[in-house]
Amino acid sequence: MSNAPDFSFETAARARGFARIAGVDEVGRGPLAGPVTAAAVILDPARIPDGLNDSKKLSARRRDALYDAILEMAEVSVAHATVAEIDEINILRASHLAMERAVAGLATPPHHLLIDGNLIPRGIALSAEAVVKGDARSLSISAASIVAKVVRDRIMVDLAQQHPGYGWERNAGYPTKAHLQALQDIGVTPHHRRSFAPIHNILYQGNNVTP
């Protein structure tokens, strides 16, 4: 892999005097159902799990193995924003809220944050930098992306057992063809995001209004 993530962002921050550096990432902006989940991870420079990468580039089996290694070797915090919060404040703000909660959940506050994307959540008061495509560039953000994805995928598997037919155990709530068909056939669940167009359109098309 030509451009695997490395520790250069962390090394540069450490050179500026920041000892505890947390990578922050979220997963679940695109799905039609379920929470948005964020993780904050502080890696130990002396104990970095091998094979960290953007969670989207890893198999589920590899992610699960790395998840266990990250929990064993690093400081980790995971947090969510609910479907109700997504619908109330919009998905971008909700994803930032989940990030803010993940950072706040670390047992000891970090000195500096590496945040995936091009925006720093407005509720973050710590030193921070946004890293575009950070999950493929920074090992700390890669670790956060893996943790967030594994946790959220497991939540969606649990929800799939309560609401069968939508394929959430396979699609994690993303708008696959099968998921969209199930919405037409079965209807909308309490875990669907009503502010998202496909759900809103089903709920409010013509006379077919569901409370």
C-alpha atoms as a PDB file:
ATOM      1  CA  MET A   1       0.000   0.000   0.000  1.00  0.00           C
ATOM      2  CA  SER A   2       1.644   3.197  -1.182  1.00  0.00           C
ATOM      3  CA  ASN A   3       0.142   5.634   1.271  1.00  0.00           C
ATOM      4  CA  ALA A   4      -0.545   3.836   4.531  1.00  0.00           C
ATOM      5  CA  PRO A   5      -1.081   6.052   7.574  1.00  0.00           C
ATOM      6  CA  ASP A   6       1.945   6.954   9.671  1.00  0.00           C
ATOM      7  CA  PHE A   7       2.842   8.722  12.909  1.00  0.00           C
ATOM      8  CA  SER A   8       4.112  11.962  11.331  1.00  0.00           C
ATOM      9  CA  PHE A   9       1.216  14.176  12.526  1.00  0.00           C
ATOM     10  CA  GLU A  10       1.660  12.821  16.042  1.00  0.00           C
ATOM     11  CA  THR A  11       5.453  13.235  15.913  1.00  0.00           C
ATOM     12  CA  ALA A  12       5.080  16.841  14.768  1.00  0.00           C
ATOM     13  CA  ALA A  13       2.628  17.579  17.573  1.00  0.00           C
ATOM     14  CA  ARG A  14       4.945  15.971  20.113  1.00  0.00           C
ATOM     15  CA  ALA A  15       7.778  18.176  18.835  1.00  0.00           C
ATOM     16  CA  ARG A  16       5.565  21.186  19.644  1.00  0.00           C
ATOM     17  CA  GLY A  17       5.289  19.983  23.238  1.00  0.00           C
ATOM     18  CA  PHE A  18       2.051  17.990  23.165  1.00  0.00           C
ATOM     19  CA  ALA A  19       2.519  14.655  24.939  1.00  0.00           C
ATOM     20  CA  ARG A  20      -0.990  13.202  24.867  1.00  0.00           C
ATOM     21  CA  ILE A  21      -2.363  13.277  21.323  1.00  0.00           C
ATOM     22  CA  ALA A  22      -5.774  11.826  20.508  1.00  0.00           C
ATOM     23  CA  GLY A  23      -6.988  10.814  17.075  1.00  0.00           C
ATOM     24  CA  VAL A  24     -10.715  11.438  16.593  1.00  0.00           C
ATOM     25  CA  ASP A  25     -13.035  10.063  13.917  1.00  0.00           C
ATOM     26  CA  GLU A  26     -16.705   9.289  13.432  1.00  0.00           C
ATOM     27  CA  VAL A  27     -18.674   6.761  11.426  1.00  0.00           C
ATOM     28  CA  GLY A  28     -22.310   6.729  10.404  1.00  0.00           C
ATOM     29  CA  ARG A  29     -23.041   9.992   8.633  1.00  0.00           C
ATOM     30  CA  GLY A  30     -24.502   8.315   5.563  1.00  0.00           C
ATOM     31  CA  PRO A  31     -26.857   5.637   6.955  1.00  0.00           C
ATOM     32  CA  LEU A  32     -30.619   6.084   7.057  1.00  0.00           C
ATOM     33  CA  ALA A  33     -30.837   4.421  10.474  1.00  0.00           C
ATOM     34  CA  GLY A  34     -28.961   4.198  13.750  1.00  0.00           C
ATOM     35  CA  PRO A  35     -26.730   6.566  15.706  1.00  0.00           C
ATOM     36  CA  VAL A  36     -23.601   8.331  14.572  1.00  0.00           C
ATOM     37  CA  THR A  37     -20.614   6.998  16.524  1.00  0.00           C
ATOM     38  CA  ALA A  38     -17.264   8.623  17.295  1.00  0.00           C
ATOM     39  CA  ALA A  39     -14.077   7.426  18.931  1.00  0.00           C
ATOM     40  CA  ALA A  40     -11.092   9.187  20.458  1.00  0.00           C
ATOM     41  CA  VAL A  41      -7.884   7.148  20.727  1.00  0.00           C
ATOM     42  CA  ILE A  42      -4.553   8.019  22.347  1.00  0.00           C
ATOM     43  CA  LEU A  43      -1.910   5.614  21.072  1.00  0.00           C
ATOM     44  CA  ASP A  44       1.156   4.683  23.088  1.00  0.00           C
ATOM     45  CA  PRO A  45       4.057   5.470  20.700  1.00  0.00           C
ATOM     46  CA  ALA A  46       5.881   2.410  22.061  1.00  0.00           C
ATOM     47  CA  ARG A  47       2.920   0.055  21.510  1.00  0.00           C
ATOM     48  CA  ILE A  48       1.137   0.757  18.243  1.00  0.00           C
ATOM     49  CA  PRO A  49      -0.849  -2.177  16.819  1.00  0.00           C
ATOM     50  CA  ASP A  50       0.434  -3.365  13.450  1.00  0.00           C
ATOM     51  CA  GLY A  51      -1.754  -2.890  10.390  1.00  0.00           C
ATOM     52  CA  LEU A  52      -3.746   0.197  11.341  1.00  0.00           C
ATOM     53  CA  ASN A  53      -5.467   1.784   8.353  1.00  0.00           C
ATOM     54  CA  ASP A  54      -8.634   3.540   7.270  1.00  0.00           C
ATOM     55  CA  SER A  55     -11.378   1.221   8.556  1.00  0.00           C
ATOM     56  CA  LYS A  56     -12.994   1.189   5.087  1.00  0.00           C
ATOM     57  CA  LYS A  57      -9.869  -0.458   3.647  1.00  0.00           C
ATOM     58  CA  LEU A  58      -9.933  -3.359   6.129  1.00  0.00           C
ATOM     59  CA  SER A  59     -12.011  -6.539   6.213  1.00  0.00           C
ATOM     60  CA  ALA A  60     -14.483  -6.945   9.075  1.00  0.00           C
ATOM     61  CA  ARG A  61     -12.330  -9.728  10.502  1.00  0.00           C
ATOM     62  CA  ARG A  62      -9.214  -7.540  10.416  1.00  0.00           C
ATOM     63  CA  ARG A  63     -11.091  -4.635  12.001  1.00  0.00           C
ATOM     64  CA  ASP A  64     -12.288  -6.869  14.839  1.00  0.00           C
ATOM     65  CA  ALA A  65      -8.741  -8.069  15.535  1.00  0.00           C
ATOM     66  CA  LEU A  66      -7.356  -4.527  15.474  1.00  0.00           C
ATOM     67  CA  TYR A  67     -10.217  -3.306  17.673  1.00  0.00           C
ATOM     68  CA  ASP A  68      -9.175  -5.776  20.370  1.00  0.00           C
ATOM     69  CA  ALA A  69      -5.523  -4.744  20.013  1.00  0.00           C
ATOM     70  CA  ILE A  70      -6.353  -1.028  20.202  1.00  0.00           C
ATOM     71  CA  LEU A  71      -8.435  -1.525  23.356  1.00  0.00           C
ATOM     72  CA  GLU A  72      -5.552  -3.432  24.917  1.00  0.00           C
ATOM     73  CA  MET A  73      -2.757  -1.014  23.978  1.00  0.00           C
ATOM     74  CA  ALA A  74      -4.337   2.451  23.819  1.00  0.00           C
ATOM     75  CA  GLU A  75      -6.600   4.843  25.691  1.00  0.00           C
ATOM     76  CA  VAL A  76     -10.021   4.719  24.058  1.00  0.00           C
ATOM     77  CA  SER A  77     -13.334   6.534  24.415  1.00  0.00           C
ATOM     78  CA  VAL A  78     -16.449   5.942  22.308  1.00  0.00           C
ATOM     79  CA  ALA A  79     -19.572   8.094  22.186  1.00  0.00           C
ATOM     80  CA  HIS A  80     -22.699   8.535  20.084  1.00  0.00           C
ATOM     81  CA  ALA A  81     -25.297  11.001  18.947  1.00  0.00           C
ATOM     82  CA  THR A  82     -28.793   9.544  18.772  1.00  0.00           C
ATOM     83  CA  VAL A  83     -31.236   9.444  15.879  1.00  0.00           C
ATOM     84  CA  ALA A  84     -33.342  12.057  17.704  1.00  0.00           C
ATOM     85  CA  GLU A  85     -30.309  14.343  17.984  1.00  0.00           C
ATOM     86  CA  ILE A  86     -29.439  13.807  14.313  1.00  0.00           C
ATOM     87  CA  ASP A  87     -32.975  14.816  13.332  1.00  0.00           C
ATOM     88  CA  GLU A  88     -32.949  17.812  15.674  1.00  0.00           C
ATOM     89  CA  ILE A  89     -29.574  19.401  14.935  1.00  0.00           C
ATOM     90  CA  ASN A  90     -28.579  17.817  11.542  1.00  0.00           C
ATOM     91  CA  ILE A  91     -26.090  15.064  10.825  1.00  0.00           C
ATOM     92  CA  LEU A  92     -22.957  17.233  10.605  1.00  0.00           C
ATOM     93  CA  ARG A  93     -23.578  18.835  13.997  1.00  0.00           C
ATOM     94  CA  ALA A  94     -24.561  15.453  15.467  1.00  0.00           C
ATOM     95  CA  SER A  95     -21.342  13.863  14.225  1.00  0.00           C
ATOM     96  CA  HIS A  96     -19.411  16.712  15.849  1.00  0.00           C
ATOM     97  CA  LEU A  97     -21.398  16.230  19.065  1.00  0.00           C
ATOM     98  CA  ALA A  98     -20.417  12.555  19.094  1.00  0.00           C
ATOM     99  CA  MET A  99     -16.764  13.572  18.608  1.00  0.00           C
ATOM    100  CA  GLU A 100     -16.983  16.096  21.443  1.00  0.00           C
ATOM    101  CA  ARG A 101     -18.451  13.432  23.724  1.00  0.00           C
ATOM    102  CA  ALA A 102     -15.764  10.921  22.766  1.00  0.00           C
ATOM    103  CA  VAL A 103     -12.996  13.396  23.617  1.00  0.00           C
ATOM    104  CA  ALA A 104     -14.691  14.324  26.897  1.00  0.00           C
ATOM    105  CA  GLY A 105     -14.934  10.629  27.765  1.00  0.00           C
ATOM    106  CA  LEU A 106     -11.185  10.045  27.846  1.00  0.00           C
ATOM    107  CA  ALA A 107     -10.074   9.326  31.407  1.00  0.00           C
ATOM    108  CA  THR A 108      -7.353  12.003  31.237  1.00  0.00           C
ATOM    109  CA  PRO A 109      -7.767  14.969  28.892  1.00  0.00           C
ATOM    110  CA  PRO A 110      -5.501  14.936  25.823  1.00  0.00           C
ATOM    111  CA  HIS A 111      -3.204  17.866  25.053  1.00  0.00           C
ATOM    112  CA  HIS A 112      -3.873  17.930  21.307  1.00  0.00           C
ATOM    113  CA  LEU A 113      -6.422  16.436  18.917  1.00  0.00           C
ATOM    114  CA  LEU A 114      -6.065  15.157  15.367  1.00  0.00           C
ATOM    115  CA  ILE A 115      -9.594  15.264  13.948  1.00  0.00           C
ATOM    116  CA  ASP A 116     -10.603  13.565  10.721  1.00  0.00           C
ATOM    117  CA  GLY A 117     -12.112  15.934   8.178  1.00  0.00           C
ATOM    118  CA  ASN A 118     -11.829  19.638   7.436  1.00  0.00           C
ATOM    119  CA  LEU A 119     -13.704  21.051  10.441  1.00  0.00           C
ATOM    120  CA  ILE A 120     -12.992  21.230  14.156  1.00  0.00           C
ATOM    121  CA  PRO A 121     -16.205  20.744  16.187  1.00  0.00           C
ATOM    122  CA  ARG A 122     -17.164  24.019  17.814  1.00  0.00           C
ATOM    123  CA  GLY A 123     -17.521  22.388  21.224  1.00  0.00           C
ATOM    124  CA  ILE A 124     -13.827  21.445  21.261  1.00  0.00           C
ATOM    125  CA  ALA A 125     -11.816  23.797  23.480  1.00  0.00           C
ATOM    126  CA  LEU A 126      -8.538  21.862  23.319  1.00  0.00           C
ATOM    127  CA  SER A 127      -5.682  22.386  20.890  1.00  0.00           C
ATOM    128  CA  ALA A 128      -6.779  20.641  17.691  1.00  0.00           C
ATOM    129  CA  GLU A 129      -6.111  20.320  13.996  1.00  0.00           C
ATOM    130  CA  ALA A 130      -8.353  18.974  11.254  1.00  0.00           C
ATOM    131  CA  VAL A 131      -6.750  16.390   8.967  1.00  0.00           C
ATOM    132  CA  VAL A 132      -8.478  15.803   5.628  1.00  0.00           C
ATOM    133  CA  LYS A 133      -8.657  12.061   4.880  1.00  0.00           C
ATOM    134  CA  GLY A 134      -7.016  11.639   8.262  1.00  0.00           C
ATOM    135  CA  ASP A 135      -8.135   8.027   8.673  1.00  0.00           C
ATOM    136  CA  ALA A 136      -5.761   7.126   5.829  1.00  0.00           C
ATOM    137  CA  ARG A 137      -2.940   9.451   6.960  1.00  0.00           C
ATOM    138  CA  SER A 138      -2.667   9.404  10.765  1.00  0.00           C
ATOM    139  CA  LEU A 139      -2.312   6.196  12.791  1.00  0.00           C
ATOM    140  CA  SER A 140      -4.237   7.711  15.707  1.00  0.00           C
ATOM    141  CA  ILE A 141      -7.158   8.678  13.475  1.00  0.00           C
ATOM    142  CA  SER A 142      -7.015   5.257  11.779  1.00  0.00           C
ATOM    143  CA  ALA A 143      -7.332   3.632  15.201  1.00  0.00           C
ATOM    144  CA  ALA A 144     -10.303   5.867  16.034  1.00  0.00           C
ATOM    145  CA  SER A 145     -11.979   5.017  12.711  1.00  0.00           C
ATOM    146  CA  ILE A 146     -11.615   1.289  13.398  1.00  0.00           C
ATOM    147  CA  VAL A 147     -13.001   1.531  16.932  1.00  0.00           C
ATOM    148  CA  ALA A 148     -15.949   3.693  15.868  1.00  0.00           C
ATOM    149  CA  LYS A 149     -16.850   1.405  12.949  1.00  0.00           C
ATOM    150  CA  VAL A 150     -16.643  -1.835  14.948  1.00  0.00           C
ATOM    151  CA  VAL A 151     -18.762  -0.412  17.770  1.00  0.00           C
ATOM    152  CA  ARG A 152     -21.375   1.041  15.418  1.00  0.00           C
ATOM    153  CA  ASP A 153     -21.561  -2.101  13.260  1.00  0.00           C
ATOM    154  CA  ARG A 154     -22.222  -4.168  16.387  1.00  0.00           C
ATOM    155  CA  ILE A 155     -24.986  -1.782  17.445  1.00  0.00           C
ATOM    156  CA  MET A 156     -26.620  -2.202  14.038  1.00  0.00           C
ATOM    157  CA  VAL A 157     -26.378  -6.016  14.268  1.00  0.00           C
ATOM    158  CA  ASP A 158     -28.221  -5.805  17.608  1.00  0.00           C
ATOM    159  CA  LEU A 159     -30.861  -3.481  16.146  1.00  0.00           C
ATOM    160  CA  ALA A 160     -31.259  -5.837  13.165  1.00  0.00           C
ATOM    161  CA  GLN A 161     -32.372  -8.585  15.540  1.00  0.00           C
ATOM    162  CA  GLN A 162     -35.062  -6.285  16.951  1.00  0.00           C
ATOM    163  CA  HIS A 163     -36.127  -5.065  13.498  1.00  0.00           C
ATOM    164  CA  PRO A 164     -35.507  -7.862  10.973  1.00  0.00           C
ATOM    165  CA  GLY A 165     -35.934  -7.379   7.260  1.00  0.00           C
ATOM    166  CA  TYR A 166     -33.870  -4.239   6.674  1.00  0.00           C
ATOM    167  CA  GLY A 167     -30.530  -6.045   6.451  1.00  0.00           C
ATOM    168  CA  TRP A 168     -28.847  -3.815   9.032  1.00  0.00           C
ATOM    169  CA  GLU A 169     -26.578  -6.696  10.042  1.00  0.00           C
ATOM    170  CA  ARG A 170     -25.107  -6.419   6.522  1.00  0.00           C
ATOM    171  CA  ASN A 171     -25.651  -2.795   5.473  1.00  0.00           C
ATOM    172  CA  ALA A 172     -25.233  -1.079   8.891  1.00  0.00           C
ATOM    173  CA  GLY A 173     -28.202   1.136   8.019  1.00  0.00           C
ATOM    174  CA  TYR A 174     -26.786   2.472   4.753  1.00  0.00           C
ATOM    175  CA  PRO A 175     -29.280   2.968   1.893  1.00  0.00           C
ATOM    176  CA  THR A 176     -28.716  -0.267  -0.005  1.00  0.00           C
ATOM    177  CA  LYS A 177     -31.290  -1.469  -2.521  1.00  0.00           C
ATOM    178  CA  ALA A 178     -32.552  -4.085  -0.033  1.00  0.00           C
ATOM    179  CA  HIS A 179     -32.854  -1.509   2.749  1.00  0.00           C
ATOM    180  CA  LEU A 180     -34.772   0.926   0.570  1.00  0.00           C
ATOM    181  CA  GLN A 181     -37.106  -1.871  -0.579  1.00  0.00           C
ATOM    182  CA  ALA A 182     -37.722  -2.908   3.029  1.00  0.00           C
ATOM    183  CA  LEU A 183     -38.674   0.657   3.879  1.00  0.00           C
ATOM    184  CA  GLN A 184     -41.370   0.471   1.205  1.00  0.00           C
ATOM    185  CA  ASP A 185     -42.515  -3.006   2.268  1.00  0.00           C
ATOM    186  CA  ILE A 186     -42.247  -2.851   6.061  1.00  0.00           C
ATOM    187  CA  GLY A 187     -42.196   0.856   6.835  1.00  0.00           C
ATOM    188  CA  VAL A 188     -40.183   3.162   9.037  1.00  0.00           C
ATOM    189  CA  THR A 189     -38.802   2.160  12.459  1.00  0.00           C
ATOM    190  CA  PRO A 190     -38.029   4.407  15.449  1.00  0.00           C
ATOM    191  CA  HIS A 191     -34.357   3.990  14.533  1.00  0.00           C
ATOM    192  CA  HIS A 192     -34.725   5.632  11.116  1.00  0.00           C
ATOM    193  CA  ARG A 193     -33.584   9.227  10.653  1.00  0.00           C
ATOM    194  CA  ARG A 194     -36.693  11.181   9.762  1.00  0.00           C
ATOM    195  CA  SER A 195     -34.714  14.212   8.573  1.00  0.00           C
ATOM    196  CA  PHE A 196     -33.105  12.137   5.791  1.00  0.00           C
ATOM    197  CA  ALA A 197     -34.871  12.511   2.442  1.00  0.00           C
ATOM    198  CA  PRO A 198     -35.719   8.828   1.755  1.00  0.00           C
ATOM    199  CA  ILE A 199     -37.368   8.486   5.174  1.00  0.00           C
ATOM    200  CA  HIS A 200     -39.058  11.885   5.096  1.00  0.00           C
ATOM    201  CA  ASN A 201     -40.474  11.164   1.654  1.00  0.00           C
ATOM    202  CA  ILE A 202     -41.988   7.857   2.794  1.00  0.00           C
ATOM    203  CA  LEU A 203     -43.531   9.439   5.893  1.00  0.00           C
ATOM    204  CA  TYR A 204     -45.007  12.437   4.133  1.00  0.00           C
ATOM    205  CA  GLN A 205     -45.945  11.241   0.665  1.00  0.00           C
ATOM    206  CA  GLY A 206     -49.527  12.238  -0.139  1.00  0.00           C
ATOM    207  CA  ASN A 207     -52.074  10.908   2.346  1.00  0.00           C
ATOM    208  CA  ASN A 208     -49.788   8.169   3.585  1.00  0.00           C
ATOM    209  CA  VAL A 209     -48.742  10.073   6.700  1.00  0.00           C
ATOM    210  CA  THR A 210     -47.357   8.030   9.570  1.00  0.00           C
ATOM    211  CA  PRO A 211     -47.337   9.672  12.997  1.00  0.00           C
END
